[in-house]
Amino acid sequence: MNFSEKVYSKLKKVPKGKVTTYKLLAESVGSKAYRAIGSLMRKNPYAPKVPCHRVVKSDGSIGGFASGIMNKIKLLKKEGVGVRRGKIVNFKKKLYKFK
């Protein structure tokens, strides 16, 4: 399995109502290529099956989204993840950590 497939496979484990970070996702596949994760999210050919909208910055900020930040916020809110002033509400409670 190549790097991108590993990343997409891991990301599928993040449940609705939770988010993870670019850094945690990279670390879950044994990498420190956090920026590469962002690039993979932008190019995600499996959306929405692979939920790239659930990947945010380590400080709880929304980060980018291929179809626009407002769409990312809309998807997150639909799943019960609040966003206020560009950040995830209750970030620590909403954060999914890979095992």
N, C-alpha and C. Protein backbone atom coordinates (compact mmCIF):
# COMPACT_ATOMS: atom_id res chain seq x y z
N MET A 1 0.85 -1.18 0.00
CA MET A 1 0.00 0.00 0.00
C MET A 1 0.90 1.25 0.00
N ASN A 2 0.63 2.19 -0.89
CA ASN A 2 1.48 3.38 -0.95
C ASN A 2 1.07 4.39 0.13
N PHE A 3 1.84 5.46 0.26
CA PHE A 3 1.64 6.46 1.31
C PHE A 3 0.22 7.02 1.30
N SER A 4 -0.25 7.46 0.15
CA SER A 4 -1.58 8.08 0.11
C SER A 4 -2.68 7.08 0.49
N GLU A 5 -2.56 5.85 0.04
CA GLU A 5 -3.57 4.84 0.40
C GLU A 5 -3.57 4.56 1.91
N LYS A 6 -2.37 4.55 2.52
CA LYS A 6 -2.28 4.36 3.97
C LYS A 6 -2.99 5.50 4.70
N VAL A 7 -2.74 6.71 4.23
CA VAL A 7 -3.34 7.89 4.85
C VAL A 7 -4.86 7.85 4.72
N TYR A 8 -5.36 7.59 3.51
CA TYR A 8 -6.81 7.55 3.30
C TYR A 8 -7.45 6.43 4.12
N SER A 9 -6.76 5.30 4.24
CA SER A 9 -7.27 4.18 5.02
C SER A 9 -7.40 4.56 6.49
N LYS A 10 -6.39 5.22 7.03
CA LYS A 10 -6.42 5.67 8.43
C LYS A 10 -7.53 6.69 8.64
N LEU A 11 -7.67 7.61 7.72
CA LEU A 11 -8.65 8.68 7.86
C LEU A 11 -10.08 8.14 7.92
N LYS A 12 -10.32 7.02 7.25
CA LYS A 12 -11.66 6.42 7.28
C LYS A 12 -12.07 6.00 8.70
N LYS A 13 -11.09 5.86 9.60
CA LYS A 13 -11.37 5.43 10.97
C LYS A 13 -11.88 6.57 11.86
N VAL A 14 -11.73 7.81 11.40
CA VAL A 14 -12.19 8.95 12.19
C VAL A 14 -13.72 9.01 12.10
N PRO A 15 -14.40 8.81 13.23
CA PRO A 15 -15.87 8.75 13.19
C PRO A 15 -16.54 10.11 13.02
N LYS A 16 -17.79 10.08 12.61
CA LYS A 16 -18.59 11.30 12.53
C LYS A 16 -18.60 11.94 13.90
N GLY A 17 -18.56 13.27 13.91
CA GLY A 17 -18.59 13.98 15.18
C GLY A 17 -17.22 14.17 15.81
N LYS A 18 -16.19 13.68 15.13
CA LYS A 18 -14.81 13.82 15.62
C LYS A 18 -13.96 14.45 14.53
N VAL A 19 -12.82 14.99 14.93
CA VAL A 19 -11.83 15.51 13.99
C VAL A 19 -10.47 14.98 14.39
N THR A 20 -9.53 15.03 13.47
CA THR A 20 -8.14 14.72 13.77
C THR A 20 -7.30 15.83 13.17
N THR A 21 -6.00 15.78 13.39
CA THR A 21 -5.13 16.83 12.85
C THR A 21 -4.24 16.27 11.74
N TYR A 22 -3.72 17.19 10.95
CA TYR A 22 -2.78 16.79 9.90
C TYR A 22 -1.59 16.05 10.53
N LYS A 23 -1.13 16.57 11.68
CA LYS A 23 0.02 15.97 12.36
C LYS A 23 -0.30 14.56 12.88
N LEU A 24 -1.43 14.40 13.56
CA LEU A 24 -1.79 13.07 14.08
C LEU A 24 -1.99 12.06 12.96
N LEU A 25 -2.58 12.52 11.87
CA LEU A 25 -2.79 11.63 10.72
C LEU A 25 -1.45 11.20 10.13
N ALA A 26 -0.52 12.13 9.99
CA ALA A 26 0.82 11.79 9.48
C ALA A 26 1.51 10.80 10.41
N GLU A 27 1.47 11.09 11.71
CA GLU A 27 2.13 10.22 12.68
C GLU A 27 1.51 8.82 12.70
N SER A 28 0.22 8.73 12.41
CA SER A 28 -0.45 7.43 12.43
C SER A 28 0.05 6.49 11.33
N VAL A 29 0.67 7.07 10.31
CA VAL A 29 1.25 6.25 9.23
C VAL A 29 2.78 6.30 9.27
N GLY A 30 3.32 6.74 10.42
CA GLY A 30 4.77 6.74 10.61
C GLY A 30 5.50 7.80 9.83
N SER A 31 4.88 8.97 9.67
CA SER A 31 5.50 10.04 8.88
C SER A 31 5.49 11.36 9.65
N LYS A 32 6.37 12.25 9.25
CA LYS A 32 6.37 13.62 9.77
C LYS A 32 6.04 14.60 8.65
N ALA A 33 5.54 14.07 7.56
CA ALA A 33 5.22 14.89 6.38
C ALA A 33 3.82 15.50 6.51
N TYR A 34 3.68 16.43 7.48
CA TYR A 34 2.38 17.02 7.77
C TYR A 34 1.82 17.79 6.58
N ARG A 35 2.69 18.49 5.88
CA ARG A 35 2.24 19.26 4.71
C ARG A 35 1.77 18.34 3.59
N ALA A 36 2.41 17.19 3.48
CA ALA A 36 2.00 16.22 2.46
C ALA A 36 0.58 15.74 2.75
N ILE A 37 0.23 15.66 4.01
CA ILE A 37 -1.13 15.26 4.39
C ILE A 37 -2.12 16.28 3.87
N GLY A 38 -1.82 17.56 4.03
CA GLY A 38 -2.68 18.62 3.51
C GLY A 38 -2.87 18.50 2.02
N SER A 39 -1.80 18.20 1.33
CA SER A 39 -1.84 18.03 -0.13
C SER A 39 -2.73 16.85 -0.50
N LEU A 40 -2.61 15.75 0.24
CA LEU A 40 -3.45 14.57 -0.02
C LEU A 40 -4.92 14.87 0.23
N MET A 41 -5.19 15.69 1.25
CA MET A 41 -6.59 16.03 1.55
C MET A 41 -7.19 16.84 0.40
N ARG A 42 -6.38 17.76 -0.14
CA ARG A 42 -6.84 18.58 -1.28
C ARG A 42 -7.15 17.73 -2.50
N LYS A 43 -6.40 16.66 -2.68
CA LYS A 43 -6.53 15.81 -3.88
C LYS A 43 -7.38 14.56 -3.64
N ASN A 44 -7.97 14.44 -2.48
CA ASN A 44 -8.71 13.25 -2.07
C ASN A 44 -9.72 12.81 -3.14
N PRO A 45 -9.44 11.70 -3.84
CA PRO A 45 -10.37 11.23 -4.88
C PRO A 45 -11.55 10.44 -4.31
N TYR A 46 -11.53 10.17 -3.01
CA TYR A 46 -12.55 9.32 -2.40
C TYR A 46 -13.56 10.08 -1.53
N ALA A 47 -13.49 11.40 -1.56
CA ALA A 47 -14.43 12.19 -0.74
C ALA A 47 -15.85 11.94 -1.23
N PRO A 48 -16.83 11.86 -0.39
CA PRO A 48 -16.79 12.01 1.07
C PRO A 48 -16.56 10.69 1.82
N LYS A 49 -16.38 9.59 1.09
CA LYS A 49 -16.15 8.30 1.75
C LYS A 49 -14.91 8.37 2.65
N VAL A 50 -13.88 9.04 2.18
CA VAL A 50 -12.71 9.34 3.00
C VAL A 50 -12.90 10.78 3.45
N PRO A 51 -13.24 11.00 4.73
CA PRO A 51 -13.71 12.30 5.22
C PRO A 51 -12.63 13.35 5.48
N CYS A 52 -12.07 13.90 4.42
CA CYS A 52 -10.99 14.87 4.59
C CYS A 52 -11.45 16.13 5.33
N HIS A 53 -12.75 16.38 5.36
CA HIS A 53 -13.26 17.54 6.10
C HIS A 53 -13.05 17.40 7.61
N ARG A 54 -12.72 16.21 8.08
CA ARG A 54 -12.49 15.98 9.50
C ARG A 54 -11.04 16.21 9.92
N VAL A 55 -10.21 16.70 9.00
CA VAL A 55 -8.80 16.96 9.33
C VAL A 55 -8.62 18.46 9.50
N VAL A 56 -8.09 18.84 10.68
CA VAL A 56 -7.92 20.25 11.03
C VAL A 56 -6.49 20.49 11.53
N LYS A 57 -6.19 21.74 11.79
CA LYS A 57 -4.86 22.09 12.29
C LYS A 57 -4.73 21.70 13.77
N SER A 58 -3.50 21.58 14.23
CA SER A 58 -3.22 21.14 15.61
C SER A 58 -3.75 22.09 16.68
N ASP A 59 -4.00 23.34 16.32
CA ASP A 59 -4.53 24.29 17.30
C ASP A 59 -6.06 24.36 17.27
N GLY A 60 -6.68 23.47 16.48
CA GLY A 60 -8.13 23.45 16.38
C GLY A 60 -8.70 24.33 15.29
N SER A 61 -7.82 25.04 14.57
CA SER A 61 -8.27 25.86 13.45
C SER A 61 -8.72 24.97 12.31
N ILE A 62 -9.64 25.47 11.51
CA ILE A 62 -10.24 24.70 10.43
C ILE A 62 -9.24 24.22 9.37
N GLY A 63 -8.33 25.07 8.95
CA GLY A 63 -7.43 24.69 7.86
C GLY A 63 -8.15 24.88 6.54
N GLY A 64 -7.56 24.41 5.48
CA GLY A 64 -8.14 24.59 4.14
C GLY A 64 -9.10 23.48 3.77
N PHE A 65 -9.70 23.65 2.60
CA PHE A 65 -10.61 22.64 2.08
C PHE A 65 -10.76 22.88 0.58
N ALA A 66 -10.68 21.82 -0.19
CA ALA A 66 -10.69 21.94 -1.65
C ALA A 66 -11.90 22.71 -2.18
N SER A 67 -13.08 22.46 -1.60
CA SER A 67 -14.27 23.15 -2.11
C SER A 67 -14.65 24.35 -1.24
N GLY A 68 -13.71 24.85 -0.47
CA GLY A 68 -13.94 26.06 0.33
C GLY A 68 -14.19 25.77 1.79
N ILE A 69 -13.70 26.67 2.62
CA ILE A 69 -13.80 26.51 4.07
C ILE A 69 -15.26 26.48 4.53
N MET A 70 -16.12 27.25 3.90
CA MET A 70 -17.53 27.26 4.32
C MET A 70 -18.17 25.88 4.13
N ASN A 71 -17.79 25.19 3.06
CA ASN A 71 -18.29 23.83 2.86
C ASN A 71 -17.77 22.88 3.93
N LYS A 72 -16.51 23.06 4.32
CA LYS A 72 -15.93 22.22 5.37
C LYS A 72 -16.68 22.44 6.68
N ILE A 73 -16.94 23.69 7.01
CA ILE A 73 -17.67 24.02 8.24
C ILE A 73 -19.08 23.43 8.19
N LYS A 74 -19.73 23.53 7.04
CA LYS A 74 -21.09 23.00 6.88
C LYS A 74 -21.11 21.49 7.12
N LEU A 75 -20.13 20.78 6.54
CA LEU A 75 -20.04 19.32 6.72
C LEU A 75 -19.79 18.97 8.19
N LEU A 76 -18.89 19.70 8.83
CA LEU A 76 -18.59 19.43 10.23
C LEU A 76 -19.81 19.68 11.11
N LYS A 77 -20.49 20.79 10.88
CA LYS A 77 -21.68 21.11 11.69
C LYS A 77 -22.77 20.07 11.50
N LYS A 78 -22.91 19.56 10.28
CA LYS A 78 -23.90 18.52 10.00
C LYS A 78 -23.61 17.26 10.83
N GLU A 79 -22.33 17.05 11.16
CA GLU A 79 -21.92 15.88 11.95
C GLU A 79 -21.85 16.17 13.45
N GLY A 80 -22.27 17.37 13.84
CA GLY A 80 -22.28 17.71 15.26
C GLY A 80 -21.00 18.33 15.78
N VAL A 81 -20.14 18.80 14.90
CA VAL A 81 -18.90 19.45 15.31
C VAL A 81 -19.10 20.96 15.16
N GLY A 82 -19.10 21.65 16.28
CA GLY A 82 -19.29 23.10 16.25
C GLY A 82 -18.03 23.83 15.83
N VAL A 83 -18.22 24.95 15.14
CA VAL A 83 -17.11 25.79 14.72
C VAL A 83 -17.46 27.23 15.10
N ARG A 84 -16.54 27.86 15.83
CA ARG A 84 -16.74 29.25 16.21
C ARG A 84 -15.45 30.03 15.95
N ARG A 85 -15.57 31.11 15.23
CA ARG A 85 -14.42 31.95 14.87
C ARG A 85 -13.29 31.15 14.24
N GLY A 86 -13.66 30.20 13.37
CA GLY A 86 -12.67 29.44 12.62
C GLY A 86 -12.00 28.31 13.39
N LYS A 87 -12.51 28.01 14.58
CA LYS A 87 -11.92 26.93 15.38
C LYS A 87 -12.99 25.95 15.83
N ILE A 88 -12.56 24.71 16.08
CA ILE A 88 -13.46 23.66 16.55
C ILE A 88 -13.84 23.95 18.00
N VAL A 89 -15.13 23.93 18.29
CA VAL A 89 -15.63 24.10 19.66
C VAL A 89 -15.36 22.80 20.42
N ASN A 90 -14.88 22.92 21.66
CA ASN A 90 -14.52 21.75 22.48
C ASN A 90 -13.53 20.85 21.74
N PHE A 91 -12.51 21.47 21.19
CA PHE A 91 -11.53 20.76 20.36
C PHE A 91 -10.99 19.50 21.02
N LYS A 92 -10.59 19.59 22.28
CA LYS A 92 -9.98 18.42 22.95
C LYS A 92 -10.97 17.26 23.05
N LYS A 93 -12.25 17.55 23.25
CA LYS A 93 -13.27 16.50 23.34
C LYS A 93 -13.59 15.92 21.97
N LYS A 94 -13.44 16.72 20.94
CA LYS A 94 -13.78 16.29 19.57
C LYS A 94 -12.61 15.62 18.87
N LEU A 95 -11.40 15.71 19.47
CA LEU A 95 -10.19 15.21 18.81
C LEU A 95 -10.12 13.69 18.86
N TYR A 96 -9.95 13.10 17.69
CA TYR A 96 -9.78 11.65 17.56
C TYR A 96 -8.29 11.36 17.47
N LYS A 97 -7.83 10.47 18.35
CA LYS A 97 -6.41 10.06 18.33
C LYS A 97 -6.35 8.60 17.89
N PHE A 98 -5.48 8.33 16.95
CA PHE A 98 -5.33 6.97 16.42
C PHE A 98 -4.66 6.09 17.45
N LYS A 99 -5.05 4.82 17.45
CA LYS A 99 -4.46 3.86 18.41
C LYS A 99 -3.31 3.12 17.78
